[in-house]
Amino acid sequence: MDIVFVRLLFIIVVGATCFVIEPFALTRLWDGVVGLGIGGAIVLF
């Protein structure tokens, strides 16, 4: 159970960071969505 919480927290932190710093030069919303996808991909693989 703890590992699931840590993984979800990691995905949220990556998404929030991408939302704030806008690394992909998209709108803030899309940068956050891409960040969530990247966080999920890191956890998955």
Protein backbone atom coordinates (compact mmCIF):
# COMPACT_ATOMS: atom_id res chain seq x y z
CA MET A 1 0.00 0.00 0.00
CA ASP A 2 2.80 2.41 0.82
CA ILE A 3 4.51 1.86 -2.53
CA VAL A 4 1.28 2.73 -4.37
CA PHE A 5 1.05 5.98 -2.41
CA VAL A 6 4.68 6.84 -3.18
CA ARG A 7 4.20 6.13 -6.89
CA LEU A 8 1.05 8.26 -7.07
CA LEU A 9 2.79 11.04 -5.19
CA PHE A 10 5.70 10.88 -7.64
CA ILE A 11 3.36 11.15 -10.64
CA ILE A 12 1.57 14.13 -9.07
CA VAL A 13 4.87 15.88 -8.28
CA VAL A 14 6.15 15.42 -11.85
CA GLY A 15 2.86 16.70 -13.28
CA ALA A 16 2.79 19.71 -10.95
CA THR A 17 6.41 20.55 -11.72
CA CYS A 18 5.74 20.46 -15.45
CA PHE A 19 2.63 22.58 -14.91
CA VAL A 20 4.65 25.25 -13.10
CA ILE A 21 7.85 25.42 -15.18
CA GLU A 22 6.27 24.77 -18.63
CA PRO A 23 9.17 22.76 -20.10
CA PHE A 24 7.44 21.87 -23.37
CA ALA A 25 6.33 25.37 -24.43
CA LEU A 26 2.67 24.34 -24.48
CA THR A 27 -0.12 25.83 -22.44
CA ARG A 28 0.16 25.20 -18.71
CA LEU A 29 -2.66 22.66 -18.78
CA TRP A 30 -1.07 20.59 -21.54
CA ASP A 31 2.36 20.80 -19.92
CA GLY A 32 0.80 19.37 -16.77
CA VAL A 33 -0.93 16.58 -18.70
CA VAL A 34 2.30 15.69 -20.48
CA GLY A 35 4.09 15.72 -17.13
CA LEU A 36 1.53 13.31 -15.69
CA GLY A 37 2.07 11.05 -18.69
CA ILE A 38 5.83 11.16 -18.26
CA GLY A 39 5.53 10.43 -14.54
CA GLY A 40 3.25 7.49 -15.29
CA ALA A 41 5.66 6.17 -17.90
CA ILE A 42 8.57 6.38 -15.45
CA VAL A 43 6.61 4.43 -12.83
CA LEU A 44 5.41 1.88 -15.40
CA PHE A 45 8.85 1.14 -16.81
